Amino acid sequence: MIMRNSELIMVVLLLAVLSFCKTNSLACNKREKHALLPFKQSLTDPANRLSSWSLTEGCCGWAGVRCDNVSGRVFELHLGNPEDSGKSTLIGKLRLALLELEHPNFLNLSLNDFKGTPIPSFLGSMSSLTYLNLWGASFGGLVPHQLGNLSSLRQLYLGRNPGLYVDNFSWITLLSSLESLDLGWIDLHRDIHWLDYARY
């Protein structure tokens, strides 16, 4: 059967679109790639979990990184420790360069070791986040009030960080989209009204 010209044109266009989408799914935003590399450099990685994070590889193919198939923008970082053991723990601190990620909505750093450093207040500027998991990641100090700026946040896990404390828990009432919350082991008692806010 001979294919008509109009059908042939449609097939060619379809193949072009599929090729475009495939190419873009592997593309990596250069600005975001160069934001993530300093973050890697600030970490000790004894299990080489981030060995794929290199200048020669596109960041959308890096371990734990998920990108939008069209824009190539990073929207998820899955960097939680998969084994709950010291062997695969990432050790270090968070870097301000993470703010170069334009539309991240998922950040999982659970069960790593941030050596008792405070949760950085700049996380409150990552306004597109819907999921933030810092559970058991050895953070310490004051839980920053700026987390209350994350109005799109649906899931927040800060538990099993016994060095964390809250001095004013009112920011939790600003998280109007929140569906799941874990604050286990965190000292809430420095705010005498914490229970009122928790009922929110």
Protein backbone atom coordinates (compact mmCIF):
# COMPACT_ATOMS: atom_id res chain seq x y z
CA MET A 1 0.00 0.00 0.00
CA ILE A 2 1.40 3.37 -1.01
CA MET A 3 1.38 5.99 1.73
CA ARG A 4 -0.27 9.26 0.78
CA ASN A 5 1.74 12.47 1.03
CA SER A 6 -0.35 13.82 3.91
CA GLU A 7 0.17 10.60 5.91
CA LEU A 8 3.89 10.66 5.20
CA ILE A 9 4.12 14.24 6.42
CA MET A 10 2.28 13.33 9.61
CA VAL A 11 4.65 10.42 10.30
CA VAL A 12 7.69 12.62 9.73
CA LEU A 13 6.30 15.29 12.06
CA LEU A 14 5.51 12.69 14.74
CA LEU A 15 9.02 11.27 14.58
CA ALA A 16 10.45 14.79 14.84
CA VAL A 17 8.36 15.56 17.93
CA LEU A 18 9.34 12.27 19.58
CA SER A 19 12.99 12.94 18.81
CA PHE A 20 12.69 16.46 20.26
CA CYS A 21 11.11 15.17 23.48
CA LYS A 22 13.72 12.46 23.87
CA THR A 23 16.54 14.91 23.34
CA ASN A 24 15.11 17.35 25.86
CA SER A 25 14.53 14.62 28.43
CA LEU A 26 18.30 14.15 28.49
CA ALA A 27 19.09 17.85 28.37
CA CYS A 28 20.43 19.59 31.43
CA ASN A 29 20.18 23.23 32.35
CA LYS A 30 23.78 24.41 32.56
CA ARG A 31 23.15 26.96 35.28
CA GLU A 32 21.57 24.35 37.51
CA LYS A 33 24.31 21.85 36.75
CA HIS A 34 26.94 24.35 37.90
CA ALA A 35 24.87 25.00 41.03
CA LEU A 36 24.81 21.33 41.98
CA LEU A 37 28.52 20.67 41.46
CA PRO A 38 29.64 22.93 44.38
CA PHE A 39 27.04 21.20 46.54
CA LYS A 40 28.67 17.86 45.73
CA GLN A 41 32.08 19.31 46.51
CA SER A 42 30.90 20.35 49.97
CA LEU A 43 29.99 16.73 50.80
CA THR A 44 32.00 13.70 51.79
CA ASP A 45 30.67 10.70 49.88
CA PRO A 46 32.34 7.50 51.16
CA ALA A 47 30.12 5.20 49.08
CA ASN A 48 30.58 7.27 45.88
CA ARG A 49 26.84 7.69 45.54
CA LEU A 50 27.41 10.89 43.58
CA SER A 51 30.10 9.52 41.29
CA SER A 52 27.91 10.28 38.26
CA TRP A 53 27.90 13.99 39.15
CA SER A 54 30.58 15.23 36.78
CA LEU A 55 31.19 17.92 34.19
CA THR A 56 31.16 15.34 31.43
CA GLU A 57 27.70 14.01 32.25
CA GLY A 58 24.39 15.85 31.91
CA CYS A 59 22.86 16.50 35.33
CA CYS A 60 19.55 14.89 34.33
CA GLY A 61 21.38 11.57 34.27
CA TRP A 62 23.00 12.02 37.67
CA ALA A 63 22.09 9.74 40.54
CA GLY A 64 19.17 11.15 42.53
CA VAL A 65 18.41 13.98 40.09
CA ARG A 66 15.11 14.21 38.22
CA CYS A 67 14.52 16.78 35.48
CA ASP A 68 11.56 18.09 33.55
CA ASN A 69 11.51 16.29 30.19
CA VAL A 70 10.94 19.47 28.21
CA SER A 71 12.82 22.25 29.99
CA GLY A 72 15.66 20.20 31.46
CA ARG A 73 15.14 21.97 34.78
CA VAL A 74 15.88 20.01 37.94
CA PHE A 75 12.67 19.48 39.90
CA GLU A 76 13.55 16.62 42.27
CA LEU A 77 16.61 15.70 44.36
CA HIS A 78 16.42 12.20 45.84
CA LEU A 79 19.50 12.18 48.05
CA GLY A 80 18.20 10.38 51.13
CA ASN A 81 20.47 7.64 52.47
CA PRO A 82 18.93 4.43 51.11
CA GLU A 83 20.50 2.12 53.71
CA ASP A 84 20.28 3.99 57.03
CA SER A 85 23.94 3.16 57.57
CA GLY A 86 27.16 5.12 57.83
CA LYS A 87 28.60 3.47 54.73
CA SER A 88 26.35 5.36 52.32
CA THR A 89 25.90 8.55 54.34
CA LEU A 90 26.55 11.92 52.70
CA ILE A 91 28.43 14.15 55.16
CA GLY A 92 28.77 17.92 54.99
CA LYS A 93 26.56 20.98 54.70
CA LEU A 94 24.01 22.56 52.42
CA ARG A 95 25.14 25.22 49.99
CA LEU A 96 23.44 28.47 49.02
CA ALA A 97 23.98 27.46 45.39
CA LEU A 98 20.88 25.27 45.70
CA LEU A 99 18.86 28.47 45.25
CA GLU A 100 20.01 28.43 41.62
CA LEU A 101 17.54 25.60 41.05
CA GLU A 102 14.59 27.42 39.56
CA HIS A 103 11.62 25.13 40.28
CA PRO A 104 12.55 22.30 42.65
CA ASN A 105 9.52 20.67 44.25
CA PHE A 106 11.09 17.63 45.95
CA LEU A 107 14.12 17.58 48.26
CA ASN A 108 15.04 14.46 50.22
CA LEU A 109 18.22 14.56 52.33
CA SER A 110 17.08 12.13 55.01
CA LEU A 111 19.47 9.95 57.05
CA ASN A 112 22.59 11.79 55.97
CA ASP A 113 24.97 13.57 58.36
CA PHE A 114 25.04 17.36 58.41
CA LYS A 115 27.11 17.38 61.60
CA GLY A 116 24.68 19.31 63.80
CA THR A 117 24.68 22.36 61.52
CA PRO A 118 21.49 24.46 61.51
CA ILE A 119 18.87 23.96 58.83
CA PRO A 120 19.73 26.86 56.52
CA SER A 121 17.13 29.60 56.41
CA PHE A 122 17.51 29.87 52.64
CA LEU A 123 15.43 26.71 52.26
CA GLY A 124 12.48 28.98 53.02
CA SER A 125 13.15 30.71 49.69
CA MET A 126 12.64 27.51 47.68
CA SER A 127 8.98 28.39 47.28
CA SER A 128 8.12 25.65 44.77
CA LEU A 129 8.89 22.84 47.23
CA THR A 130 6.00 20.50 47.95
CA TYR A 131 8.14 17.84 49.70
CA LEU A 132 10.99 18.44 52.15
CA ASN A 133 12.57 15.54 54.02
CA LEU A 134 15.41 16.23 56.46
CA TRP A 135 14.50 13.32 58.75
CA GLY A 136 17.38 11.91 60.75
CA ALA A 137 19.95 14.03 58.91
CA SER A 138 21.80 15.29 62.02
CA PHE A 139 20.74 18.92 61.83
CA GLY A 140 20.85 21.02 65.01
CA GLY A 141 19.90 24.41 66.38
CA LEU A 142 16.85 26.54 65.72
CA VAL A 143 14.34 25.39 63.12
CA PRO A 144 14.22 28.46 60.87
CA HIS A 145 11.00 30.44 60.85
CA GLN A 146 11.51 30.93 57.11
CA LEU A 147 10.15 27.44 56.49
CA GLY A 148 6.77 29.08 56.97
CA ASN A 149 7.27 30.71 53.56
CA LEU A 150 6.86 27.34 51.84
CA SER A 151 3.15 27.74 51.22
CA SER A 152 3.08 24.93 48.62
CA LEU A 153 4.62 22.39 51.00
CA ARG A 154 2.53 19.24 51.44
CA GLN A 155 4.99 17.01 53.29
CA LEU A 156 7.56 18.11 55.88
CA TYR A 157 9.77 15.67 57.76
CA LEU A 158 12.17 17.09 60.34
CA GLY A 159 12.00 14.29 62.93
CA ARG A 160 14.85 12.32 64.50
CA ASN A 161 17.04 15.42 64.71
CA PRO A 162 17.31 15.67 68.52
CA GLY A 163 19.52 18.76 68.31
CA LEU A 164 16.73 20.83 66.75
CA TYR A 165 14.46 23.17 68.70
CA VAL A 166 11.65 25.64 68.03
CA ASP A 167 11.33 28.99 69.83
CA ASN A 168 8.23 30.21 68.01
CA PHE A 169 6.08 27.62 66.31
CA SER A 170 3.58 30.04 64.77
CA TRP A 171 5.16 29.66 61.32
CA ILE A 172 3.58 26.21 61.03
CA THR A 173 0.16 27.86 60.60
CA LEU A 174 1.37 29.45 57.35
CA LEU A 175 1.79 26.05 55.68
CA SER A 176 -1.77 25.95 54.39
CA SER A 177 -1.14 23.04 52.00
CA LEU A 178 0.51 20.79 54.58
CA GLU A 179 -0.79 17.20 54.67
CA SER A 180 1.96 15.30 56.51
CA LEU A 181 4.29 16.49 59.28
CA ASP A 182 6.95 14.77 61.41
CA LEU A 183 8.62 16.72 64.23
CA GLY A 184 9.53 13.74 66.43
CA TRP A 185 12.49 14.29 68.81
CA ILE A 186 12.46 18.07 68.25
CA ASP A 187 12.30 20.31 71.34
CA LEU A 188 9.07 22.29 70.98
CA HIS A 189 8.73 23.36 74.60
CA ARG A 190 10.60 26.65 74.27
CA ASP A 191 7.36 28.00 72.78
CA ILE A 192 4.74 27.67 75.49
CA HIS A 193 1.99 27.85 72.85
CA TRP A 194 3.39 25.08 70.65
CA LEU A 195 0.49 22.74 71.35
CA ASP A 196 -2.03 25.33 70.13
CA TYR A 197 -0.15 25.65 66.85
CA ALA A 198 0.26 21.86 66.55
CA ARG A 199 -3.55 21.51 66.62
CA TYR A 200 -3.70 23.71 63.55
